[in-house]
Amino acid sequence: PNHAAANFPTTCQTCHNTNSWQGATFNHTWFPTNHGGANGVCATCHNNASNYAIFTCTGCHTKTQTDRQHQGVRNYVYNSSNCYQCHQSGRGG
């Protein structure tokens, strides 16, 4: 991806092994990369490869399922930004 647009570091060694530029590691400690079976595939949640700050929760978490689990939760809104406000670790808020 365009690293600058995606807000990735532009210091290559931060994520890449300079012996082989293929693949990279990224410190994604605040939210588990295997959440919901994503298995470290960024595109599972980040569906805009030019901006990894954009993410979706609603691709996997259906409105029906989520509404049912949030009955009575004050200020609940079904959208990814609101989901992340309460579930920054990928777990219950």
N, C-alpha and C. Protein backbone atom coordinates (compact mmCIF):
# COMPACT_ATOMS: atom_id res chain seq x y z
N PRO A 1 0.83 -1.21 0.00
CA PRO A 1 0.00 0.00 0.00
C PRO A 1 0.86 1.25 0.00
N ASN A 2 0.27 2.36 -0.31
CA ASN A 2 0.95 3.64 -0.20
C ASN A 2 1.17 3.90 1.29
N HIS A 3 2.41 3.76 1.72
CA HIS A 3 2.70 3.81 3.15
C HIS A 3 2.39 5.16 3.78
N ALA A 4 2.71 6.25 3.13
CA ALA A 4 2.45 7.58 3.69
C ALA A 4 0.95 7.81 3.82
N ALA A 5 0.18 7.47 2.79
CA ALA A 5 -1.27 7.67 2.82
C ALA A 5 -1.93 6.77 3.87
N ALA A 6 -1.37 5.58 4.09
CA ALA A 6 -1.93 4.64 5.05
C ALA A 6 -1.44 4.90 6.46
N ASN A 7 -0.65 5.94 6.64
CA ASN A 7 -0.08 6.29 7.94
C ASN A 7 0.84 5.23 8.50
N PHE A 8 1.51 4.47 7.62
CA PHE A 8 2.53 3.52 8.03
C PHE A 8 3.84 4.26 8.17
N PRO A 9 4.77 3.75 8.98
CA PRO A 9 6.09 4.37 9.04
C PRO A 9 6.77 4.31 7.68
N THR A 10 7.58 5.29 7.39
CA THR A 10 8.33 5.27 6.13
C THR A 10 9.79 4.90 6.37
N THR A 11 10.10 4.46 7.56
CA THR A 11 11.41 3.89 7.86
C THR A 11 11.27 2.39 7.64
N CYS A 12 11.76 1.91 6.54
CA CYS A 12 11.52 0.54 6.08
C CYS A 12 11.83 -0.53 7.13
N GLN A 13 12.96 -0.37 7.82
CA GLN A 13 13.41 -1.37 8.79
C GLN A 13 12.45 -1.51 9.97
N THR A 14 11.58 -0.55 10.18
CA THR A 14 10.63 -0.64 11.29
C THR A 14 9.75 -1.88 11.15
N CYS A 15 9.36 -2.20 9.93
CA CYS A 15 8.46 -3.34 9.69
C CYS A 15 9.07 -4.44 8.84
N HIS A 16 10.01 -4.08 7.96
CA HIS A 16 10.57 -5.02 7.00
C HIS A 16 11.96 -5.49 7.38
N ASN A 17 12.24 -6.74 7.08
CA ASN A 17 13.60 -7.27 7.16
C ASN A 17 14.29 -6.82 5.87
N THR A 18 15.39 -6.11 5.98
CA THR A 18 16.02 -5.55 4.78
C THR A 18 16.70 -6.59 3.92
N ASN A 19 16.80 -7.84 4.39
CA ASN A 19 17.33 -8.92 3.55
C ASN A 19 16.29 -9.40 2.55
N SER A 20 15.03 -9.25 2.92
CA SER A 20 13.93 -9.66 2.06
C SER A 20 12.79 -8.68 2.29
N TRP A 21 12.48 -7.88 1.30
CA TRP A 21 11.46 -6.84 1.46
C TRP A 21 10.04 -7.40 1.46
N GLN A 22 9.88 -8.67 1.12
CA GLN A 22 8.55 -9.26 1.09
C GLN A 22 8.04 -9.49 2.50
N GLY A 23 6.79 -9.22 2.71
CA GLY A 23 6.17 -9.40 4.01
C GLY A 23 6.63 -8.32 4.98
N ALA A 24 5.94 -8.17 6.04
CA ALA A 24 6.30 -7.17 7.04
C ALA A 24 5.64 -7.53 8.35
N THR A 25 6.17 -7.01 9.41
CA THR A 25 5.53 -7.15 10.71
C THR A 25 5.07 -5.77 11.13
N PHE A 26 3.96 -5.73 11.79
CA PHE A 26 3.40 -4.45 12.22
C PHE A 26 2.92 -4.60 13.64
N ASN A 27 3.28 -3.68 14.50
CA ASN A 27 2.88 -3.73 15.90
C ASN A 27 1.43 -3.27 16.01
N HIS A 28 0.55 -4.21 16.16
CA HIS A 28 -0.89 -3.97 16.18
C HIS A 28 -1.42 -4.39 17.55
N THR A 29 -0.78 -3.89 18.60
CA THR A 29 -1.05 -4.39 19.95
C THR A 29 -2.38 -3.97 20.54
N TRP A 30 -2.96 -2.89 20.07
CA TRP A 30 -4.19 -2.43 20.70
C TRP A 30 -5.42 -3.23 20.28
N PHE A 31 -5.36 -3.92 19.21
CA PHE A 31 -6.51 -4.70 18.73
C PHE A 31 -5.96 -6.00 18.14
N PRO A 32 -6.44 -7.16 18.56
CA PRO A 32 -5.86 -8.42 18.09
C PRO A 32 -6.07 -8.65 16.59
N THR A 33 -4.99 -9.00 15.90
CA THR A 33 -5.07 -9.20 14.45
C THR A 33 -5.77 -10.52 14.09
N ASN A 34 -6.05 -11.35 15.08
CA ASN A 34 -6.79 -12.59 14.81
C ASN A 34 -8.24 -12.49 15.27
N HIS A 35 -8.69 -11.26 15.59
CA HIS A 35 -10.06 -11.04 16.05
C HIS A 35 -11.05 -11.62 15.04
N GLY A 36 -11.95 -12.42 15.53
CA GLY A 36 -13.00 -12.97 14.68
C GLY A 36 -12.49 -13.88 13.57
N GLY A 37 -11.30 -14.41 13.72
CA GLY A 37 -10.76 -15.28 12.70
C GLY A 37 -10.11 -14.54 11.54
N ALA A 38 -9.73 -13.28 11.73
CA ALA A 38 -9.09 -12.51 10.66
C ALA A 38 -7.74 -13.11 10.28
N ASN A 39 -7.12 -13.83 11.20
CA ASN A 39 -5.85 -14.51 10.95
C ASN A 39 -4.77 -13.58 10.39
N GLY A 40 -4.75 -12.35 10.86
CA GLY A 40 -3.71 -11.42 10.45
C GLY A 40 -3.87 -10.85 9.06
N VAL A 41 -5.01 -11.08 8.42
CA VAL A 41 -5.27 -10.54 7.09
C VAL A 41 -5.86 -9.15 7.25
N CYS A 42 -5.06 -8.14 6.98
CA CYS A 42 -5.47 -6.74 7.23
C CYS A 42 -6.78 -6.40 6.55
N ALA A 43 -6.97 -6.89 5.32
CA ALA A 43 -8.15 -6.54 4.52
C ALA A 43 -9.46 -7.05 5.13
N THR A 44 -9.38 -7.93 6.12
CA THR A 44 -10.59 -8.39 6.79
C THR A 44 -11.32 -7.21 7.44
N CYS A 45 -10.56 -6.31 8.04
CA CYS A 45 -11.14 -5.15 8.71
C CYS A 45 -10.85 -3.85 7.99
N HIS A 46 -9.68 -3.77 7.39
CA HIS A 46 -9.26 -2.54 6.71
C HIS A 46 -9.52 -2.72 5.21
N ASN A 47 -10.66 -2.28 4.75
CA ASN A 47 -11.04 -2.53 3.37
C ASN A 47 -10.70 -1.38 2.42
N ASN A 48 -9.87 -0.44 2.86
CA ASN A 48 -9.38 0.63 2.01
C ASN A 48 -7.86 0.59 2.07
N ALA A 49 -7.23 -0.07 1.10
CA ALA A 49 -5.78 -0.29 1.12
C ALA A 49 -4.97 0.99 1.04
N SER A 50 -5.59 2.10 0.69
CA SER A 50 -4.84 3.35 0.64
C SER A 50 -4.95 4.13 1.95
N ASN A 51 -5.75 3.64 2.90
CA ASN A 51 -5.85 4.32 4.18
C ASN A 51 -6.24 3.30 5.25
N TYR A 52 -5.26 2.80 5.98
CA TYR A 52 -5.51 1.79 6.99
C TYR A 52 -6.12 2.37 8.27
N ALA A 53 -6.32 3.67 8.33
CA ALA A 53 -7.05 4.26 9.45
C ALA A 53 -8.54 3.97 9.31
N ILE A 54 -8.97 3.61 8.11
CA ILE A 54 -10.36 3.25 7.86
C ILE A 54 -10.53 1.76 8.10
N PHE A 55 -11.54 1.40 8.86
CA PHE A 55 -11.77 -0.01 9.18
C PHE A 55 -13.27 -0.27 9.25
N THR A 56 -13.63 -1.52 9.23
CA THR A 56 -15.04 -1.88 9.36
C THR A 56 -15.20 -2.99 10.39
N CYS A 57 -16.19 -2.86 11.21
CA CYS A 57 -16.60 -3.91 12.13
C CYS A 57 -17.85 -4.60 11.59
N THR A 58 -18.63 -3.82 10.83
CA THR A 58 -19.94 -4.27 10.37
C THR A 58 -19.87 -5.26 9.21
N GLY A 59 -18.68 -5.52 8.70
CA GLY A 59 -18.54 -6.55 7.67
C GLY A 59 -18.76 -7.94 8.24
N CYS A 60 -18.40 -8.12 9.51
CA CYS A 60 -18.57 -9.42 10.17
C CYS A 60 -19.68 -9.41 11.22
N HIS A 61 -19.80 -8.31 11.93
CA HIS A 61 -20.79 -8.20 13.00
C HIS A 61 -22.08 -7.62 12.43
N THR A 62 -23.06 -8.48 12.23
CA THR A 62 -24.30 -8.05 11.59
C THR A 62 -25.12 -7.15 12.52
N LYS A 63 -25.94 -6.34 11.93
CA LYS A 63 -26.79 -5.43 12.70
C LYS A 63 -27.73 -6.20 13.62
N THR A 64 -28.33 -7.26 13.12
CA THR A 64 -29.27 -8.05 13.93
C THR A 64 -28.57 -8.62 15.16
N GLN A 65 -27.41 -9.23 14.95
CA GLN A 65 -26.64 -9.82 16.05
C GLN A 65 -26.21 -8.74 17.05
N THR A 66 -25.68 -7.65 16.54
CA THR A 66 -25.13 -6.60 17.38
C THR A 66 -26.23 -5.86 18.13
N ASP A 67 -27.33 -5.56 17.46
CA ASP A 67 -28.46 -4.91 18.14
C ASP A 67 -28.94 -5.76 19.32
N ARG A 68 -29.05 -7.05 19.10
CA ARG A 68 -29.53 -7.96 20.14
C ARG A 68 -28.58 -7.95 21.35
N GLN A 69 -27.27 -7.91 21.09
CA GLN A 69 -26.29 -7.95 22.18
C GLN A 69 -26.16 -6.61 22.91
N HIS A 70 -26.70 -5.54 22.33
CA HIS A 70 -26.55 -4.22 22.93
C HIS A 70 -27.88 -3.63 23.41
N GLN A 71 -28.90 -4.47 23.60
CA GLN A 71 -30.17 -3.97 24.11
C GLN A 71 -29.94 -3.30 25.46
N GLY A 72 -30.41 -2.08 25.60
CA GLY A 72 -30.28 -1.36 26.85
C GLY A 72 -28.95 -0.64 27.03
N VAL A 73 -28.03 -0.76 26.07
CA VAL A 73 -26.75 -0.06 26.18
C VAL A 73 -26.95 1.39 25.78
N ARG A 74 -26.67 2.28 26.69
CA ARG A 74 -26.88 3.71 26.47
C ARG A 74 -26.00 4.22 25.32
N ASN A 75 -26.57 5.02 24.45
CA ASN A 75 -25.89 5.67 23.32
C ASN A 75 -25.36 4.68 22.28
N TYR A 76 -25.87 3.46 22.28
CA TYR A 76 -25.44 2.48 21.27
C TYR A 76 -25.85 2.93 19.87
N VAL A 77 -24.89 2.85 18.94
CA VAL A 77 -25.13 3.14 17.53
C VAL A 77 -24.40 2.07 16.74
N TYR A 78 -25.07 1.49 15.76
CA TYR A 78 -24.46 0.44 14.94
C TYR A 78 -23.66 1.07 13.80
N ASN A 79 -22.40 1.30 14.04
CA ASN A 79 -21.45 1.65 12.99
C ASN A 79 -20.04 1.42 13.54
N SER A 80 -19.09 1.25 12.66
CA SER A 80 -17.75 0.82 13.06
C SER A 80 -17.06 1.80 13.99
N SER A 81 -17.19 3.09 13.76
CA SER A 81 -16.54 4.07 14.63
C SER A 81 -17.08 3.98 16.04
N ASN A 82 -18.39 3.85 16.17
CA ASN A 82 -18.99 3.72 17.49
C ASN A 82 -18.60 2.41 18.15
N CYS A 83 -18.52 1.35 17.38
CA CYS A 83 -18.10 0.06 17.93
C CYS A 83 -16.72 0.20 18.57
N TYR A 84 -15.79 0.80 17.83
CA TYR A 84 -14.42 0.92 18.31
C TYR A 84 -14.31 1.80 19.55
N GLN A 85 -15.19 2.77 19.70
CA GLN A 85 -15.16 3.64 20.88
C GLN A 85 -15.30 2.83 22.17
N CYS A 86 -16.12 1.79 22.14
CA CYS A 86 -16.33 0.95 23.33
C CYS A 86 -15.48 -0.33 23.33
N HIS A 87 -15.06 -0.76 22.18
CA HIS A 87 -14.39 -2.05 22.07
C HIS A 87 -12.99 -1.90 21.45
N GLN A 88 -12.17 -1.06 22.04
CA GLN A 88 -10.84 -0.78 21.48
C GLN A 88 -9.89 -1.97 21.53
N SER A 89 -10.19 -2.93 22.38
CA SER A 89 -9.34 -4.13 22.44
C SER A 89 -9.97 -5.30 21.70
N GLY A 90 -11.13 -5.07 21.08
CA GLY A 90 -11.82 -6.14 20.39
C GLY A 90 -12.67 -6.99 21.32
N ARG A 91 -12.76 -6.60 22.55
CA ARG A 91 -13.53 -7.34 23.54
C ARG A 91 -14.65 -6.46 24.08
N GLY A 92 -15.43 -7.01 25.00
CA GLY A 92 -16.55 -6.28 25.60
C GLY A 92 -16.14 -4.93 26.14
N GLY A 93 -17.04 -3.98 26.10
CA GLY A 93 -16.73 -2.60 26.49
C GLY A 93 -17.00 -2.25 27.90
